[in-house]
Amino acid sequence: MRTLAPTFLALALTAALSAPILLAGCETHAGYRTYDPYYNDYHVWNNGEVVYYNNWEHETHREHRDYRSRSADEQKQYWDWRHHHDHDHDHH
């Protein structure tokens, strides 16, 4: 029994440390719903939206930052840009 305790502790610690990473990966894959207050609609922030967002950062010469950490003004600028590049995006 004593030899199982260190193994169990190591597995429990690994699982606890891995959980946030696994959950974050699920959020990125599945996406999360975000409200665009400037156009009064919802978007699913998933891999497709990330492509648009990365293009916006590139075209407007911005450093990469998480959308949620941007100022309200920058978020508005993104949605203005996004709605002008909205050829095949589906609203929810």
Protein backbone atom coordinates (compact mmCIF):
# COMPACT_ATOMS: atom_id res chain seq x y z
CA MET A 1 0.00 0.00 0.00
CA ARG A 2 2.76 2.43 0.83
CA THR A 3 4.18 2.20 -2.71
CA LEU A 4 0.81 3.20 -4.19
CA ALA A 5 0.53 6.42 -2.17
CA PRO A 6 3.31 8.34 -3.99
CA THR A 7 1.99 7.15 -7.37
CA PHE A 8 -1.55 8.18 -6.49
CA LEU A 9 -0.35 11.57 -5.24
CA ALA A 10 1.61 12.15 -8.46
CA LEU A 11 -1.41 11.24 -10.61
CA ALA A 12 -3.75 13.45 -8.56
CA LEU A 13 -1.34 16.39 -8.80
CA THR A 14 -0.94 15.92 -12.56
CA ALA A 15 -4.71 15.80 -13.04
CA ALA A 16 -5.24 18.92 -10.93
CA LEU A 17 -2.61 20.89 -12.84
CA SER A 18 -3.84 19.69 -16.24
CA ALA A 19 -7.53 20.52 -15.72
CA PRO A 20 -7.30 24.28 -16.48
CA ILE A 21 -5.30 23.60 -19.64
CA LEU A 22 -7.78 20.99 -20.85
CA LEU A 23 -10.76 23.23 -20.09
CA ALA A 24 -9.15 26.20 -21.85
CA GLY A 25 -8.58 24.00 -24.89
CA CYS A 26 -12.25 23.04 -24.91
CA GLU A 27 -13.32 26.68 -24.75
CA THR A 28 -11.14 27.56 -27.74
CA HIS A 29 -12.40 24.60 -29.77
CA ALA A 30 -16.08 24.88 -28.91
CA GLY A 31 -16.09 28.65 -28.59
CA TYR A 32 -17.97 30.95 -26.30
CA ARG A 33 -20.82 33.30 -27.07
CA THR A 34 -20.00 37.00 -27.01
CA TYR A 35 -22.32 39.97 -27.42
CA ASP A 36 -21.47 42.74 -29.85
CA PRO A 37 -23.10 45.82 -28.26
CA TYR A 38 -22.33 48.00 -31.28
CA TYR A 39 -24.35 45.90 -33.71
CA ASN A 40 -26.69 44.34 -31.15
CA ASP A 41 -25.91 40.76 -32.10
CA TYR A 42 -24.12 37.70 -30.77
CA HIS A 43 -21.11 35.88 -32.15
CA VAL A 44 -19.63 32.55 -31.24
CA TRP A 45 -15.97 33.17 -30.49
CA ASN A 46 -14.52 30.00 -31.98
CA ASN A 47 -11.66 29.11 -34.30
CA GLY A 48 -13.39 30.84 -37.23
CA GLU A 49 -13.74 34.10 -35.31
CA VAL A 50 -10.13 33.83 -34.18
CA VAL A 51 -9.08 33.84 -37.85
CA TYR A 52 -10.95 37.11 -38.40
CA TYR A 53 -9.54 38.57 -35.19
CA ASN A 54 -5.97 37.63 -36.12
CA ASN A 55 -6.48 39.19 -39.56
CA TRP A 56 -7.77 42.37 -37.91
CA GLU A 57 -4.71 42.53 -35.65
CA HIS A 58 -2.43 42.01 -38.65
CA GLU A 59 -4.18 44.50 -40.95
CA THR A 60 -4.33 47.18 -38.26
CA HIS A 61 -0.73 46.55 -37.11
CA ARG A 62 -1.63 45.60 -33.55
CA GLU A 63 0.25 43.28 -31.26
CA HIS A 64 -1.54 40.04 -30.50
CA ARG A 65 -3.69 40.25 -27.36
CA ASP A 66 -6.72 38.39 -26.16
CA TYR A 67 -9.90 40.13 -27.34
CA ARG A 68 -11.28 40.22 -23.81
CA SER A 69 -8.25 42.16 -22.57
CA ARG A 70 -8.70 44.97 -25.12
CA SER A 71 -10.27 48.29 -24.25
CA ALA A 72 -13.90 48.94 -25.13
CA ASP A 73 -12.71 51.30 -27.88
CA GLU A 74 -10.51 48.62 -29.46
CA GLN A 75 -13.30 46.06 -29.21
CA LYS A 76 -15.59 48.50 -31.02
CA GLN A 77 -12.94 48.99 -33.70
CA TYR A 78 -12.75 45.21 -34.12
CA TRP A 79 -16.53 44.85 -34.51
CA ASP A 80 -16.64 47.74 -37.00
CA TRP A 81 -13.92 46.02 -39.03
CA ARG A 82 -15.53 42.61 -38.56
CA HIS A 83 -18.93 43.69 -39.85
CA HIS A 84 -17.31 45.13 -42.95
CA HIS A 85 -15.61 41.76 -43.54
CA ASP A 86 -18.67 39.68 -42.73
CA HIS A 87 -19.10 37.68 -45.93
CA ASP A 88 -19.80 34.25 -44.49
CA HIS A 89 -20.09 34.70 -40.74
CA ASP A 90 -23.14 33.34 -39.06
CA HIS A 91 -24.75 35.26 -36.26
CA HIS A 92 -26.30 33.64 -33.22
